[in-house]
Amino acid sequence: MGVPPGVAALPSWGITSHVEYNCVTARRIGARGLWSGLYACVPKSLAERAYVKDFVEIIRSQCARTLKGIRPIDPR
């Protein structure tokens, strides 16, 4: 049974292995593609805790090091 073709807007870093195995075809939307920021949200009561700040910094550095095609944004 075949699956009809479809369209999805997904981040390039999320489909890299699927593209490499020819499971999906990646196409840019627009001349420069679509970009959005990824944000971490925590309750104000936890925002200044050292372990939360450390967690966010680990995620930020891991993503920058391992996810193809991302750009860091300025922390707020």
PDB file of N, CA and C in Angstrom:
ATOM      1  N   MET A   1       0.853  -1.177   0.000  1.00  0.00           N
ATOM      2  CA  MET A   1       0.000   0.000   0.000  1.00  0.00           C
ATOM      3  C   MET A   1       0.892   1.230   0.000  1.00  0.00           C
ATOM      4  N   GLY A   2       0.732   2.106  -0.961  1.00  0.00           N
ATOM      5  CA  GLY A   2       1.530   3.326  -1.045  1.00  0.00           C
ATOM      6  C   GLY A   2       0.961   4.425  -0.175  1.00  0.00           C
ATOM      7  N   VAL A   3       1.820   5.316   0.209  1.00  0.00           N
ATOM      8  CA  VAL A   3       1.414   6.473   1.002  1.00  0.00           C
ATOM      9  C   VAL A   3       1.399   7.675   0.070  1.00  0.00           C
ATOM     10  N   PRO A   4       0.304   8.440   0.062  1.00  0.00           N
ATOM     11  CA  PRO A   4       0.267   9.611  -0.815  1.00  0.00           C
ATOM     12  C   PRO A   4       1.294  10.646  -0.362  1.00  0.00           C
ATOM     13  N   PRO A   5       1.856  11.403  -1.309  1.00  0.00           N
ATOM     14  CA  PRO A   5       2.840  12.420  -0.926  1.00  0.00           C
ATOM     15  C   PRO A   5       2.189  13.522  -0.103  1.00  0.00           C
ATOM     16  N   GLY A   6       2.976  14.111   0.745  1.00  0.00           N
ATOM     17  CA  GLY A   6       2.484  15.191   1.586  1.00  0.00           C
ATOM     18  C   GLY A   6       3.533  16.282   1.726  1.00  0.00           C
ATOM     19  N   VAL A   7       3.182  17.313   2.457  1.00  0.00           N
ATOM     20  CA  VAL A   7       4.067  18.441   2.691  1.00  0.00           C
ATOM     21  C   VAL A   7       4.105  18.711   4.182  1.00  0.00           C
ATOM     22  N   ALA A   8       5.296  19.002   4.686  1.00  0.00           N
ATOM     23  CA  ALA A   8       5.457  19.369   6.091  1.00  0.00           C
ATOM     24  C   ALA A   8       6.561  20.413   6.193  1.00  0.00           C
ATOM     25  N   ALA A   9       6.404  21.351   7.092  1.00  0.00           N
ATOM     26  CA  ALA A   9       7.447  22.346   7.367  1.00  0.00           C
ATOM     27  C   ALA A   9       8.151  21.916   8.649  1.00  0.00           C
ATOM     28  N   LEU A  10       9.369  21.400   8.494  1.00  0.00           N
ATOM     29  CA  LEU A  10      10.137  20.868   9.616  1.00  0.00           C
ATOM     30  C   LEU A  10      11.529  21.481   9.618  1.00  0.00           C
ATOM     31  N   PRO A  11      12.167  21.553  10.789  1.00  0.00           N
ATOM     32  CA  PRO A  11      13.527  22.092  10.812  1.00  0.00           C
ATOM     33  C   PRO A  11      14.500  21.129  10.134  1.00  0.00           C
ATOM     34  N   SER A  12      15.474  21.685   9.436  1.00  0.00           N
ATOM     35  CA  SER A  12      16.436  20.840   8.715  1.00  0.00           C
ATOM     36  C   SER A  12      17.174  19.911   9.659  1.00  0.00           C
ATOM     37  N   TRP A  13      17.494  20.381  10.879  1.00  0.00           N
ATOM     38  CA  TRP A  13      18.210  19.525  11.825  1.00  0.00           C
ATOM     39  C   TRP A  13      17.359  18.352  12.289  1.00  0.00           C
ATOM     40  N   GLY A  14      16.060  18.452  12.154  1.00  0.00           N
ATOM     41  CA  GLY A  14      15.184  17.374  12.592  1.00  0.00           C
ATOM     42  C   GLY A  14      14.968  16.288  11.550  1.00  0.00           C
ATOM     43  N   ILE A  15      15.343  16.563  10.303  1.00  0.00           N
ATOM     44  CA  ILE A  15      15.100  15.574   9.241  1.00  0.00           C
ATOM     45  C   ILE A  15      16.369  15.124   8.540  1.00  0.00           C
ATOM     46  N   THR A  16      17.521  15.550   9.032  1.00  0.00           N
ATOM     47  CA  THR A  16      18.785  15.253   8.357  1.00  0.00           C
ATOM     48  C   THR A  16      18.948  13.770   8.048  1.00  0.00           C
ATOM     49  N   SER A  17      18.748  12.914   9.035  1.00  0.00           N
ATOM     50  CA  SER A  17      18.953  11.483   8.787  1.00  0.00           C
ATOM     51  C   SER A  17      17.928  10.935   7.799  1.00  0.00           C
ATOM     52  N   HIS A  18      16.721  11.445   7.816  1.00  0.00           N
ATOM     53  CA  HIS A  18      15.692  11.000   6.870  1.00  0.00           C
ATOM     54  C   HIS A  18      16.054  11.398   5.437  1.00  0.00           C
ATOM     55  N   VAL A  19      16.641  12.584   5.288  1.00  0.00           N
ATOM     56  CA  VAL A  19      17.087  13.029   3.962  1.00  0.00           C
ATOM     57  C   VAL A  19      18.255  12.161   3.500  1.00  0.00           C
ATOM     58  N   GLU A  20      19.190  11.875   4.416  1.00  0.00           N
ATOM     59  CA  GLU A  20      20.352  11.054   4.063  1.00  0.00           C
ATOM     60  C   GLU A  20      19.946   9.649   3.605  1.00  0.00           C
ATOM     61  N   TYR A  21      18.875   9.108   4.181  1.00  0.00           N
ATOM     62  CA  TYR A  21      18.387   7.774   3.806  1.00  0.00           C
ATOM     63  C   TYR A  21      17.343   7.816   2.695  1.00  0.00           C
ATOM     64  N   ASN A  22      17.166   9.004   2.096  1.00  0.00           N
ATOM     65  CA  ASN A  22      16.212   9.202   1.001  1.00  0.00           C
ATOM     66  C   ASN A  22      14.771   8.840   1.373  1.00  0.00           C
ATOM     67  N   CYS A  23      14.430   9.041   2.629  1.00  0.00           N
ATOM     68  CA  CYS A  23      13.047   8.818   3.068  1.00  0.00           C
ATOM     69  C   CYS A  23      12.173  10.034   2.769  1.00  0.00           C
ATOM     70  N   VAL A  24      12.791  11.200   2.769  1.00  0.00           N
ATOM     71  CA  VAL A  24      12.076  12.444   2.476  1.00  0.00           C
ATOM     72  C   VAL A  24      12.962  13.305   1.584  1.00  0.00           C
ATOM     73  N   THR A  25      12.360  14.274   0.952  1.00  0.00           N
ATOM     74  CA  THR A  25      13.084  15.248   0.149  1.00  0.00           C
ATOM     75  C   THR A  25      12.944  16.596   0.828  1.00  0.00           C
ATOM     76  N   ALA A  26      14.050  17.262   1.044  1.00  0.00           N
ATOM     77  CA  ALA A  26      14.027  18.574   1.697  1.00  0.00           C
ATOM     78  C   ALA A  26      13.972  19.672   0.648  1.00  0.00           C
ATOM     79  N   ARG A  27      13.148  20.650   0.883  1.00  0.00           N
ATOM     80  CA  ARG A  27      13.039  21.825   0.020  1.00  0.00           C
ATOM     81  C   ARG A  27      12.961  23.059   0.905  1.00  0.00           C
ATOM     82  N   ARG A  28      13.671  24.082   0.525  1.00  0.00           N
ATOM     83  CA  ARG A  28      13.641  25.340   1.255  1.00  0.00           C
ATOM     84  C   ARG A  28      12.342  26.070   0.930  1.00  0.00           C
ATOM     85  N   ILE A  29      11.770  26.702   1.914  1.00  0.00           N
ATOM     86  CA  ILE A  29      10.572  27.522   1.717  1.00  0.00           C
ATOM     87  C   ILE A  29      11.039  28.972   1.620  1.00  0.00           C
ATOM     88  N   GLY A  30      10.910  29.553   0.455  1.00  0.00           N
ATOM     89  CA  GLY A  30      11.372  30.922   0.237  1.00  0.00           C
ATOM     90  C   GLY A  30      12.850  30.962  -0.097  1.00  0.00           C
ATOM     91  N   ALA A  31      13.331  32.129  -0.435  1.00  0.00           N
ATOM     92  CA  ALA A  31      14.719  32.294  -0.867  1.00  0.00           C
ATOM     93  C   ALA A  31      15.715  31.967   0.237  1.00  0.00           C
ATOM     94  N   ARG A  32      15.383  32.315   1.464  1.00  0.00           N
ATOM     95  CA  ARG A  32      16.294  32.078   2.581  1.00  0.00           C
ATOM     96  C   ARG A  32      15.783  31.035   3.554  1.00  0.00           C
ATOM     97  N   GLY A  33      14.662  30.416   3.237  1.00  0.00           N
ATOM     98  CA  GLY A  33      14.077  29.439   4.152  1.00  0.00           C
ATOM     99  C   GLY A  33      13.303  30.116   5.271  1.00  0.00           C
ATOM    100  N   LEU A  34      12.675  29.329   6.096  1.00  0.00           N
ATOM    101  CA  LEU A  34      11.968  29.845   7.267  1.00  0.00           C
ATOM    102  C   LEU A  34      12.862  29.686   8.487  1.00  0.00           C
ATOM    103  N   TRP A  35      12.900  30.692   9.320  1.00  0.00           N
ATOM    104  CA  TRP A  35      13.711  30.648  10.535  1.00  0.00           C
ATOM    105  C   TRP A  35      12.849  31.044  11.727  1.00  0.00           C
ATOM    106  N   SER A  36      13.086  30.410  12.835  1.00  0.00           N
ATOM    107  CA  SER A  36      12.432  30.804  14.083  1.00  0.00           C
ATOM    108  C   SER A  36      13.375  30.487  15.234  1.00  0.00           C
ATOM    109  N   GLY A  37      13.098  31.074  16.356  1.00  0.00           N
ATOM    110  CA  GLY A  37      13.919  30.839  17.531  1.00  0.00           C
ATOM    111  C   GLY A  37      13.367  29.703  18.372  1.00  0.00           C
ATOM    112  N   LEU A  38      14.257  29.055  19.101  1.00  0.00           N
ATOM    113  CA  LEU A  38      13.860  28.058  20.086  1.00  0.00           C
ATOM    114  C   LEU A  38      14.115  28.658  21.460  1.00  0.00           C
ATOM    115  N   TYR A  39      13.143  28.571  22.325  1.00  0.00           N
ATOM    116  CA  TYR A  39      13.240  29.212  23.626  1.00  0.00           C
ATOM    117  C   TYR A  39      12.954  28.224  24.734  1.00  0.00           C
ATOM    118  N   ALA A  40      13.581  28.433  25.869  1.00  0.00           N
ATOM    119  CA  ALA A  40      13.310  27.650  27.069  1.00  0.00           C
ATOM    120  C   ALA A  40      12.478  28.524  28.004  1.00  0.00           C
ATOM    121  N   CYS A  41      11.423  27.967  28.542  1.00  0.00           N
ATOM    122  CA  CYS A  41      10.564  28.697  29.468  1.00  0.00           C
ATOM    123  C   CYS A  41      10.520  27.962  30.800  1.00  0.00           C
ATOM    124  N   VAL A  42      10.709  28.709  31.844  1.00  0.00           N
ATOM    125  CA  VAL A  42      10.613  28.148  33.193  1.00  0.00           C
ATOM    126  C   VAL A  42       9.873  29.154  34.069  1.00  0.00           C
ATOM    127  N   PRO A  43       9.266  28.678  35.142  1.00  0.00           N
ATOM    128  CA  PRO A  43       8.623  29.618  36.062  1.00  0.00           C
ATOM    129  C   PRO A  43       9.653  30.607  36.625  1.00  0.00           C
ATOM    130  N   LYS A  44       9.219  31.818  36.891  1.00  0.00           N
ATOM    131  CA  LYS A  44      10.117  32.828  37.456  1.00  0.00           C
ATOM    132  C   LYS A  44      10.823  32.326  38.704  1.00  0.00           C
ATOM    133  N   SER A  45      10.122  31.522  39.485  1.00  0.00           N
ATOM    134  CA  SER A  45      10.707  31.024  40.738  1.00  0.00           C
ATOM    135  C   SER A  45      11.909  30.110  40.499  1.00  0.00           C
ATOM    136  N   LEU A  46      12.051  29.577  39.294  1.00  0.00           N
ATOM    137  CA  LEU A  46      13.173  28.687  38.985  1.00  0.00           C
ATOM    138  C   LEU A  46      14.225  29.331  38.088  1.00  0.00           C
ATOM    139  N   ALA A  47      13.908  30.446  37.476  1.00  0.00           N
ATOM    140  CA  ALA A  47      14.750  31.036  36.439  1.00  0.00           C
ATOM    141  C   ALA A  47      16.169  31.357  36.908  1.00  0.00           C
ATOM    142  N   GLU A  48      16.351  31.709  38.139  1.00  0.00           N
ATOM    143  CA  GLU A  48      17.672  32.088  38.635  1.00  0.00           C
ATOM    144  C   GLU A  48      18.417  30.936  39.313  1.00  0.00           C
ATOM    145  N   ARG A  49      17.819  29.779  39.340  1.00  0.00           N
ATOM    146  CA  ARG A  49      18.491  28.628  39.969  1.00  0.00           C
ATOM    147  C   ARG A  49      19.673  28.183  39.110  1.00  0.00           C
ATOM    148  N   ALA A  50      20.758  27.852  39.761  1.00  0.00           N
ATOM    149  CA  ALA A  50      21.987  27.475  39.052  1.00  0.00           C
ATOM    150  C   ALA A  50      21.766  26.271  38.143  1.00  0.00           C
ATOM    151  N   TYR A  51      21.027  25.264  38.614  1.00  0.00           N
ATOM    152  CA  TYR A  51      20.850  24.066  37.790  1.00  0.00           C
ATOM    153  C   TYR A  51      20.024  24.349  36.536  1.00  0.00           C
ATOM    154  N   VAL A  52      19.102  25.298  36.602  1.00  0.00           N
ATOM    155  CA  VAL A  52      18.317  25.664  35.415  1.00  0.00           C
ATOM    156  C   VAL A  52      19.203  26.428  34.429  1.00  0.00           C
ATOM    157  N   LYS A  53      19.987  27.366  34.925  1.00  0.00           N
ATOM    158  CA  LYS A  53      20.909  28.103  34.057  1.00  0.00           C
ATOM    159  C   LYS A  53      21.915  27.154  33.412  1.00  0.00           C
ATOM    160  N   ASP A  54      22.427  26.212  34.195  1.00  0.00           N
ATOM    161  CA  ASP A  54      23.372  25.229  33.648  1.00  0.00           C
ATOM    162  C   ASP A  54      22.713  24.377  32.569  1.00  0.00           C
ATOM    163  N   PHE A  55      21.492  23.936  32.817  1.00  0.00           N
ATOM    164  CA  PHE A  55      20.764  23.122  31.853  1.00  0.00           C
ATOM    165  C   PHE A  55      20.596  23.873  30.533  1.00  0.00           C
ATOM    166  N   VAL A  56      20.175  25.118  30.604  1.00  0.00           N
ATOM    167  CA  VAL A  56      19.968  25.923  29.400  1.00  0.00           C
ATOM    168  C   VAL A  56      21.291  26.104  28.653  1.00  0.00           C
ATOM    169  N   GLU A  57      22.381  26.349  29.381  1.00  0.00           N
ATOM    170  CA  GLU A  57      23.683  26.521  28.728  1.00  0.00           C
ATOM    171  C   GLU A  57      24.158  25.222  28.083  1.00  0.00           C
ATOM    172  N   ILE A  58      23.916  24.096  28.717  1.00  0.00           N
ATOM    173  CA  ILE A  58      24.280  22.796  28.125  1.00  0.00           C
ATOM    174  C   ILE A  58      23.505  22.574  26.837  1.00  0.00           C
ATOM    175  N   ILE A  59      22.207  22.830  26.871  1.00  0.00           N
ATOM    176  CA  ILE A  59      21.383  22.662  25.677  1.00  0.00           C
ATOM    177  C   ILE A  59      21.858  23.600  24.566  1.00  0.00           C
ATOM    178  N   ARG A  60      22.110  24.842  24.901  1.00  0.00           N
ATOM    179  CA  ARG A  60      22.574  25.824  23.907  1.00  0.00           C
ATOM    180  C   ARG A  60      23.883  25.362  23.259  1.00  0.00           C
ATOM    181  N   SER A  61      24.850  24.940  24.061  1.00  0.00           N
ATOM    182  CA  SER A  61      26.150  24.542  23.502  1.00  0.00           C
ATOM    183  C   SER A  61      26.045  23.228  22.725  1.00  0.00           C
ATOM    184  N   GLN A  62      25.261  22.281  23.201  1.00  0.00           N
ATOM    185  CA  GLN A  62      25.077  21.013  22.495  1.00  0.00           C
ATOM    186  C   GLN A  62      24.404  21.237  21.140  1.00  0.00           C
ATOM    187  N   CYS A  63      23.378  22.050  21.114  1.00  0.00           N
ATOM    188  CA  CYS A  63      22.678  22.323  19.857  1.00  0.00           C
ATOM    189  C   CYS A  63      23.616  23.000  18.865  1.00  0.00           C
ATOM    190  N   ALA A  64      24.373  23.979  19.321  1.00  0.00           N
ATOM    191  CA  ALA A  64      25.294  24.686  18.431  1.00  0.00           C
ATOM    192  C   ALA A  64      26.358  23.741  17.892  1.00  0.00           C
ATOM    193  N   ARG A  65      26.748  22.766  18.694  1.00  0.00           N
ATOM    194  CA  ARG A  65      27.811  21.850  18.292  1.00  0.00           C
ATOM    195  C   ARG A  65      27.306  20.711  17.416  1.00  0.00           C
ATOM    196  N   THR A  66      26.074  20.270  17.604  1.00  0.00           N
ATOM    197  CA  THR A  66      25.633  19.030  16.958  1.00  0.00           C
ATOM    198  C   THR A  66      24.523  19.175  15.920  1.00  0.00           C
ATOM    199  N   LEU A  67      23.754  20.242  15.938  1.00  0.00           N
ATOM    200  CA  LEU A  67      22.644  20.376  15.001  1.00  0.00           C
ATOM    201  C   LEU A  67      23.071  21.181  13.780  1.00  0.00           C
ATOM    202  N   LYS A  68      22.990  20.553  12.629  1.00  0.00           N
ATOM    203  CA  LYS A  68      23.396  21.199  11.387  1.00  0.00           C
ATOM    204  C   LYS A  68      22.376  22.254  10.982  1.00  0.00           C
ATOM    205  N   GLY A  69      22.866  23.428  10.590  1.00  0.00           N
ATOM    206  CA  GLY A  69      22.001  24.458  10.038  1.00  0.00           C
ATOM    207  C   GLY A  69      21.310  25.347  11.036  1.00  0.00           C
ATOM    208  N   ILE A  70      21.807  25.398  12.288  1.00  0.00           N
ATOM    209  CA  ILE A  70      21.187  26.320  13.240  1.00  0.00           C
ATOM    210  C   ILE A  70      22.085  27.528  13.424  1.00  0.00           C
ATOM    211  N   ARG A  71      21.492  28.615  13.888  1.00  0.00           N
ATOM    212  CA  ARG A  71      22.234  29.825  14.210  1.00  0.00           C
ATOM    213  C   ARG A  71      21.886  30.202  15.631  1.00  0.00           C
ATOM    214  N   PRO A  72      22.884  30.517  16.454  1.00  0.00           N
ATOM    215  CA  PRO A  72      22.580  30.952  17.826  1.00  0.00           C
ATOM    216  C   PRO A  72      21.856  32.296  17.816  1.00  0.00           C
ATOM    217  N   ILE A  73      20.997  32.482  18.777  1.00  0.00           N
ATOM    218  CA  ILE A  73      20.332  33.770  18.955  1.00  0.00           C
ATOM    219  C   ILE A  73      20.816  34.368  20.263  1.00  0.00           C
ATOM    220  N   ASP A  74      20.683  35.667  20.415  1.00  0.00           N
ATOM    221  CA  ASP A  74      21.096  36.321  21.654  1.00  0.00           C
ATOM    222  C   ASP A  74      20.145  35.922  22.767  1.00  0.00           C
ATOM    223  N   PRO A  75      20.705  35.492  23.920  1.00  0.00           N
ATOM    224  CA  PRO A  75      19.819  35.191  25.061  1.00  0.00           C
ATOM    225  C   PRO A  75      19.191  36.464  25.574  1.00  0.00           C
ATOM    226  N   ARG A  76      18.000  36.336  26.069  1.00  0.00           N
ATOM    227  CA  ARG A  76      17.296  37.517  26.596  1.00  0.00           C
ATOM    228  C   ARG A  76      17.338  37.547  28.082  1.00  0.00           C
TER     229      ARG A  76
END
